[in-house]
Amino acid sequence: MLAETKLFAAIQDRITPTIEDYLEAILRIQDERGVVRIKEISQALGVTYPSTSGIIKKMESMGLVEHERYGYVRLTDNGRQVGALIARREEVLFRFFREILKLDEEVSRADACRVEHAISQQTAERLVKFIQFVIECPHNTQVGSQICFPKDFFADSPAAAPTVKGQQPPPEKKNRPRAGRRG
């Protein structure tokens, strides 16, 4: 992980969110099928073939991919390392949103993809440590129990609020009519 972090830090200023998306897509396709064609990348990302071809040329000049003319695209060792780091960062964010903040899966996936492009590697590493703390905290009886969270942390989403075994949910507040002036 340290080597990947150093590599990413060295080229981070040249890697755009678009290139990050391409690295993740190529990594996923390459792991699933073994070989990757430009057409498959453009379909996976919902972009045109010429756009994909242009980005692949840029990535090739950065040493992230190898591309045979009219042939396959392959991640280089550096491309695979950076792609894996980016994919892990997105997965960490997804787990944070899904398991810790208790957001639904669709929102968690979409937000993880958006946020992943905006955070530094340092922030991602700290999130990993935080998630591990919350999951492994000896005071928790389950992931996200109220012991390690502020009391009203889930106030905006009572259905998602975790409960501690044996604890009763707070009674609902009833709206009482106010005493007011009578006309």
C-alpha atoms as a PDB file:
ATOM      1  CA  MET A   1       0.000   0.000   0.000  1.00  0.00           C
ATOM      2  CA  LEU A   2       2.864   2.396   0.777  1.00  0.00           C
ATOM      3  CA  ALA A   3       4.369   1.965  -2.717  1.00  0.00           C
ATOM      4  CA  GLU A   4       0.955   2.579  -4.296  1.00  0.00           C
ATOM      5  CA  THR A   5       0.465   5.675  -2.153  1.00  0.00           C
ATOM      6  CA  LYS A   6       3.862   7.076  -3.195  1.00  0.00           C
ATOM      7  CA  LEU A   7       3.160   6.319  -6.854  1.00  0.00           C
ATOM      8  CA  PHE A   8      -0.257   7.964  -6.648  1.00  0.00           C
ATOM      9  CA  ALA A   9       1.203  11.013  -4.899  1.00  0.00           C
ATOM     10  CA  ALA A  10       3.814  11.363  -7.636  1.00  0.00           C
ATOM     11  CA  ILE A  11       1.243  11.495 -10.446  1.00  0.00           C
ATOM     12  CA  GLN A  12      -1.853  12.712  -8.607  1.00  0.00           C
ATOM     13  CA  ASP A  13      -1.691  16.207 -10.091  1.00  0.00           C
ATOM     14  CA  ARG A  14      -1.917  14.734 -13.620  1.00  0.00           C
ATOM     15  CA  ILE A  15      -4.715  12.261 -12.906  1.00  0.00           C
ATOM     16  CA  THR A  16      -8.093  13.813 -13.540  1.00  0.00           C
ATOM     17  CA  PRO A  17     -11.414  12.402 -12.302  1.00  0.00           C
ATOM     18  CA  THR A  18     -11.982  11.188 -15.871  1.00  0.00           C
ATOM     19  CA  ILE A  19      -8.724   9.238 -15.876  1.00  0.00           C
ATOM     20  CA  GLU A  20      -9.627   7.804 -12.470  1.00  0.00           C
ATOM     21  CA  ASP A  21     -12.939   6.564 -13.921  1.00  0.00           C
ATOM     22  CA  TYR A  22     -11.110   5.008 -16.877  1.00  0.00           C
ATOM     23  CA  LEU A  23      -8.586   3.285 -14.613  1.00  0.00           C
ATOM     24  CA  GLU A  24     -11.386   1.780 -12.532  1.00  0.00           C
ATOM     25  CA  ALA A  25     -13.330   0.653 -15.628  1.00  0.00           C
ATOM     26  CA  ILE A  26     -10.284  -0.905 -17.285  1.00  0.00           C
ATOM     27  CA  LEU A  27      -9.310  -2.652 -14.046  1.00  0.00           C
ATOM     28  CA  ARG A  28     -12.815  -4.075 -13.630  1.00  0.00           C
ATOM     29  CA  ILE A  29     -13.081  -5.248 -17.257  1.00  0.00           C
ATOM     30  CA  GLN A  30      -9.544  -6.649 -17.283  1.00  0.00           C
ATOM     31  CA  ASP A  31     -10.224  -8.597 -14.067  1.00  0.00           C
ATOM     32  CA  GLU A  32     -13.549  -9.928 -15.420  1.00  0.00           C
ATOM     33  CA  ARG A  33     -12.572 -10.770 -19.005  1.00  0.00           C
ATOM     34  CA  GLY A  34      -8.786 -10.747 -19.135  1.00  0.00           C
ATOM     35  CA  VAL A  35      -8.663  -8.480 -22.193  1.00  0.00           C
ATOM     36  CA  VAL A  36     -10.060  -5.010 -22.786  1.00  0.00           C
ATOM     37  CA  ARG A  37     -11.040  -3.258 -26.002  1.00  0.00           C
ATOM     38  CA  ILE A  38     -11.685   0.464 -26.381  1.00  0.00           C
ATOM     39  CA  LYS A  39     -15.292  -0.311 -27.357  1.00  0.00           C
ATOM     40  CA  GLU A  40     -15.861  -2.078 -24.007  1.00  0.00           C
ATOM     41  CA  ILE A  41     -14.426   0.872 -22.084  1.00  0.00           C
ATOM     42  CA  SER A  42     -16.598   3.378 -23.942  1.00  0.00           C
ATOM     43  CA  GLN A  43     -19.701   1.236 -23.328  1.00  0.00           C
ATOM     44  CA  ALA A  44     -18.876   0.780 -19.635  1.00  0.00           C
ATOM     45  CA  LEU A  45     -18.464   4.536 -19.144  1.00  0.00           C
ATOM     46  CA  GLY A  46     -21.230   5.638 -21.527  1.00  0.00           C
ATOM     47  CA  VAL A  47     -18.915   7.771 -23.668  1.00  0.00           C
ATOM     48  CA  THR A  48     -18.079   7.838 -27.364  1.00  0.00           C
ATOM     49  CA  TYR A  49     -15.387   5.719 -28.980  1.00  0.00           C
ATOM     50  CA  PRO A  50     -13.355   8.795 -30.093  1.00  0.00           C
ATOM     51  CA  SER A  51     -13.430  10.236 -26.550  1.00  0.00           C
ATOM     52  CA  THR A  52     -12.253   6.930 -25.143  1.00  0.00           C
ATOM     53  CA  SER A  53      -9.517   6.648 -27.746  1.00  0.00           C
ATOM     54  CA  GLY A  54      -8.228  10.129 -26.857  1.00  0.00           C
ATOM     55  CA  ILE A  55      -8.119   9.412 -23.121  1.00  0.00           C
ATOM     56  CA  ILE A  56      -6.371   6.069 -23.734  1.00  0.00           C
ATOM     57  CA  LYS A  57      -3.646   7.894 -25.708  1.00  0.00           C
ATOM     58  CA  LYS A  58      -3.190  10.316 -22.808  1.00  0.00           C
ATOM     59  CA  MET A  59      -3.059   7.444 -20.307  1.00  0.00           C
ATOM     60  CA  GLU A  60      -0.519   5.662 -22.499  1.00  0.00           C
ATOM     61  CA  SER A  61       1.717   8.752 -22.462  1.00  0.00           C
ATOM     62  CA  MET A  62       1.463   8.746 -18.651  1.00  0.00           C
ATOM     63  CA  GLY A  63       2.595   5.118 -18.501  1.00  0.00           C
ATOM     64  CA  LEU A  64      -0.736   3.853 -17.113  1.00  0.00           C
ATOM     65  CA  VAL A  65      -1.797   1.664 -20.059  1.00  0.00           C
ATOM     66  CA  GLU A  66      -0.386  -0.097 -23.085  1.00  0.00           C
ATOM     67  CA  HIS A  67      -2.490  -0.052 -26.237  1.00  0.00           C
ATOM     68  CA  GLU A  68      -1.938  -1.927 -29.470  1.00  0.00           C
ATOM     69  CA  ARG A  69      -3.357  -0.023 -32.422  1.00  0.00           C
ATOM     70  CA  TYR A  70      -6.801  -1.519 -33.110  1.00  0.00           C
ATOM     71  CA  GLY A  71      -6.066  -4.027 -30.363  1.00  0.00           C
ATOM     72  CA  TYR A  72      -6.277  -4.525 -26.649  1.00  0.00           C
ATOM     73  CA  VAL A  73      -5.749  -2.061 -23.831  1.00  0.00           C
ATOM     74  CA  ARG A  74      -3.788  -3.336 -20.827  1.00  0.00           C
ATOM     75  CA  LEU A  75      -2.970  -1.636 -17.561  1.00  0.00           C
ATOM     76  CA  THR A  76       0.727  -1.325 -16.861  1.00  0.00           C
ATOM     77  CA  ASP A  77       1.950  -2.310 -13.402  1.00  0.00           C
ATOM     78  CA  ASN A  78       1.720   1.363 -12.418  1.00  0.00           C
ATOM     79  CA  GLY A  79      -1.750   1.663 -13.958  1.00  0.00           C
ATOM     80  CA  ARG A  80      -2.928  -1.417 -12.091  1.00  0.00           C
ATOM     81  CA  GLN A  81      -1.529  -0.099  -8.785  1.00  0.00           C
ATOM     82  CA  VAL A  82      -3.123   3.327  -9.178  1.00  0.00           C
ATOM     83  CA  GLY A  83      -6.409   1.825 -10.405  1.00  0.00           C
ATOM     84  CA  ALA A  84      -6.537  -0.550  -7.444  1.00  0.00           C
ATOM     85  CA  LEU A  85      -5.838   2.316  -5.042  1.00  0.00           C
ATOM     86  CA  ILE A  86      -8.652   4.392  -6.535  1.00  0.00           C
ATOM     87  CA  ALA A  87     -11.061   1.430  -6.442  1.00  0.00           C
ATOM     88  CA  ARG A  88     -10.189   0.781  -2.783  1.00  0.00           C
ATOM     89  CA  ARG A  89     -10.747   4.427  -1.940  1.00  0.00           C
ATOM     90  CA  GLU A  90     -14.204   4.303  -3.505  1.00  0.00           C
ATOM     91  CA  GLU A  91     -15.017   1.056  -1.676  1.00  0.00           C
ATOM     92  CA  VAL A  92     -13.965   2.597   1.653  1.00  0.00           C
ATOM     93  CA  LEU A  93     -16.258   5.549   1.040  1.00  0.00           C
ATOM     94  CA  PHE A  94     -19.097   3.228   0.046  1.00  0.00           C
ATOM     95  CA  ARG A  95     -18.671   1.230   3.265  1.00  0.00           C
ATOM     96  CA  PHE A  96     -18.542   4.452   5.287  1.00  0.00           C
ATOM     97  CA  PHE A  97     -21.790   5.726   3.769  1.00  0.00           C
ATOM     98  CA  ARG A  98     -23.544   2.340   3.845  1.00  0.00           C
ATOM     99  CA  GLU A  99     -22.335   0.744   7.089  1.00  0.00           C
ATOM    100  CA  ILE A 100     -21.575   3.728   9.288  1.00  0.00           C
ATOM    101  CA  LEU A 101     -23.971   6.428   8.087  1.00  0.00           C
ATOM    102  CA  LYS A 102     -26.640   3.823   7.208  1.00  0.00           C
ATOM    103  CA  LEU A 103     -27.505   5.340   3.812  1.00  0.00           C
ATOM    104  CA  ASP A 104     -29.192   3.143   1.235  1.00  0.00           C
ATOM    105  CA  GLU A 105     -27.031   1.266  -1.274  1.00  0.00           C
ATOM    106  CA  GLU A 106     -27.839   3.383  -4.330  1.00  0.00           C
ATOM    107  CA  VAL A 107     -27.096   6.683  -2.568  1.00  0.00           C
ATOM    108  CA  SER A 108     -23.963   5.208  -0.998  1.00  0.00           C
ATOM    109  CA  ARG A 109     -22.610   4.039  -4.395  1.00  0.00           C
ATOM    110  CA  ALA A 110     -23.348   7.324  -6.159  1.00  0.00           C
ATOM    111  CA  ASP A 111     -21.925   9.494  -3.368  1.00  0.00           C
ATOM    112  CA  ALA A 112     -18.823   7.313  -3.008  1.00  0.00           C
ATOM    113  CA  CYS A 113     -18.096   7.727  -6.709  1.00  0.00           C
ATOM    114  CA  ARG A 114     -18.481  11.513  -6.532  1.00  0.00           C
ATOM    115  CA  VAL A 115     -16.575  12.041  -3.289  1.00  0.00           C
ATOM    116  CA  GLU A 116     -13.765   9.651  -4.226  1.00  0.00           C
ATOM    117  CA  HIS A 117     -12.542  12.119  -6.840  1.00  0.00           C
ATOM    118  CA  ALA A 118     -12.394  14.975  -4.353  1.00  0.00           C
ATOM    119  CA  ILE A 119     -10.562  13.564  -1.333  1.00  0.00           C
ATOM    120  CA  SER A 120      -6.856  13.208  -0.816  1.00  0.00           C
ATOM    121  CA  GLN A 121      -5.126   9.910  -0.183  1.00  0.00           C
ATOM    122  CA  GLN A 122      -4.490  11.059   3.389  1.00  0.00           C
ATOM    123  CA  THR A 123      -8.222  11.535   3.966  1.00  0.00           C
ATOM    124  CA  ALA A 124      -8.957   8.113   2.462  1.00  0.00           C
ATOM    125  CA  GLU A 125      -6.403   6.470   4.769  1.00  0.00           C
ATOM    126  CA  ARG A 126      -7.920   8.184   7.816  1.00  0.00           C
ATOM    127  CA  LEU A 127     -11.398   7.021   6.783  1.00  0.00           C
ATOM    128  CA  VAL A 128     -10.114   3.450   6.634  1.00  0.00           C
ATOM    129  CA  LYS A 129      -8.805   3.782  10.190  1.00  0.00           C
ATOM    130  CA  PHE A 130     -12.065   5.376  11.363  1.00  0.00           C
ATOM    131  CA  ILE A 131     -14.195   2.638   9.822  1.00  0.00           C
ATOM    132  CA  GLN A 132     -12.004  -0.025  11.395  1.00  0.00           C
ATOM    133  CA  PHE A 133     -12.349   1.721  14.766  1.00  0.00           C
ATOM    134  CA  VAL A 134     -16.128   1.869  14.568  1.00  0.00           C
ATOM    135  CA  ILE A 135     -16.412  -1.733  13.418  1.00  0.00           C
ATOM    136  CA  GLU A 136     -13.897  -3.102  15.937  1.00  0.00           C
ATOM    137  CA  CYS A 137     -14.680  -0.815  18.895  1.00  0.00           C
ATOM    138  CA  PRO A 138     -15.113  -3.078  21.941  1.00  0.00           C
ATOM    139  CA  HIS A 139     -17.959  -0.862  23.226  1.00  0.00           C
ATOM    140  CA  ASN A 140     -20.108  -1.599  20.205  1.00  0.00           C
ATOM    141  CA  THR A 141     -22.607  -4.422  20.399  1.00  0.00           C
ATOM    142  CA  GLN A 142     -23.151  -4.069  16.666  1.00  0.00           C
ATOM    143  CA  VAL A 143     -21.757  -1.884  13.884  1.00  0.00           C
ATOM    144  CA  GLY A 144     -23.030   1.640  14.386  1.00  0.00           C
ATOM    145  CA  SER A 145     -24.499   1.120  17.847  1.00  0.00           C
ATOM    146  CA  GLN A 146     -25.393   4.272  19.736  1.00  0.00           C
ATOM    147  CA  ILE A 147     -22.554   3.751  22.195  1.00  0.00           C
ATOM    148  CA  CYS A 148     -19.920   5.186  19.826  1.00  0.00           C
ATOM    149  CA  PHE A 149     -22.140   7.798  18.169  1.00  0.00           C
ATOM    150  CA  PRO A 150     -23.638  11.029  19.474  1.00  0.00           C
ATOM    151  CA  LYS A 151     -27.154  10.471  20.788  1.00  0.00           C
ATOM    152  CA  ASP A 152     -28.950  12.319  17.964  1.00  0.00           C
ATOM    153  CA  PHE A 153     -26.585  11.295  15.138  1.00  0.00           C
ATOM    154  CA  PHE A 154     -29.370   9.548  13.235  1.00  0.00           C
ATOM    155  CA  ALA A 155     -32.121  12.004  14.212  1.00  0.00           C
ATOM    156  CA  ASP A 156     -33.002  12.816  10.605  1.00  0.00           C
ATOM    157  CA  SER A 157     -33.561   9.139   9.787  1.00  0.00           C
ATOM    158  CA  PRO A 158     -35.169   7.304  12.719  1.00  0.00           C
ATOM    159  CA  ALA A 159     -35.734   4.164  10.630  1.00  0.00           C
ATOM    160  CA  ALA A 160     -31.998   3.857  10.006  1.00  0.00           C
ATOM    161  CA  ALA A 161     -31.038   4.536  13.610  1.00  0.00           C
ATOM    162  CA  PRO A 162     -29.301   1.536  15.111  1.00  0.00           C
ATOM    163  CA  THR A 163     -30.490   0.251  18.444  1.00  0.00           C
ATOM    164  CA  VAL A 164     -28.669  -1.422  21.274  1.00  0.00           C
ATOM    165  CA  LYS A 165     -30.143  -4.755  22.334  1.00  0.00           C
ATOM    166  CA  GLY A 166     -32.750  -4.215  25.028  1.00  0.00           C
ATOM    167  CA  GLN A 167     -32.989  -0.463  24.445  1.00  0.00           C
ATOM    168  CA  GLN A 168     -36.427   0.951  23.719  1.00  0.00           C
ATOM    169  CA  PRO A 169     -36.845   3.645  21.063  1.00  0.00           C
ATOM    170  CA  PRO A 170     -37.799   7.069  22.435  1.00  0.00           C
ATOM    171  CA  PRO A 171     -41.531   7.765  22.621  1.00  0.00           C
ATOM    172  CA  GLU A 172     -42.979   9.786  19.777  1.00  0.00           C
ATOM    173  CA  LYS A 173     -43.668  13.414  20.557  1.00  0.00           C
ATOM    174  CA  LYS A 174     -47.295  14.374  20.300  1.00  0.00           C
ATOM    175  CA  ASN A 175     -48.298  17.743  18.999  1.00  0.00           C
ATOM    176  CA  ARG A 176     -50.424  19.407  21.622  1.00  0.00           C
ATOM    177  CA  PRO A 177     -52.604  22.363  20.762  1.00  0.00           C
ATOM    178  CA  ARG A 178     -51.195  25.555  22.148  1.00  0.00           C
ATOM    179  CA  ALA A 179     -53.178  27.589  24.611  1.00  0.00           C
ATOM    180  CA  GLY A 180     -53.889  30.756  22.791  1.00  0.00           C
ATOM    181  CA  ARG A 181     -56.128  33.739  22.769  1.00  0.00           C
ATOM    182  CA  ARG A 182     -59.708  33.178  22.127  1.00  0.00           C
ATOM    183  CA  GLY A 183     -61.404  35.667  19.992  1.00  0.00           C
END
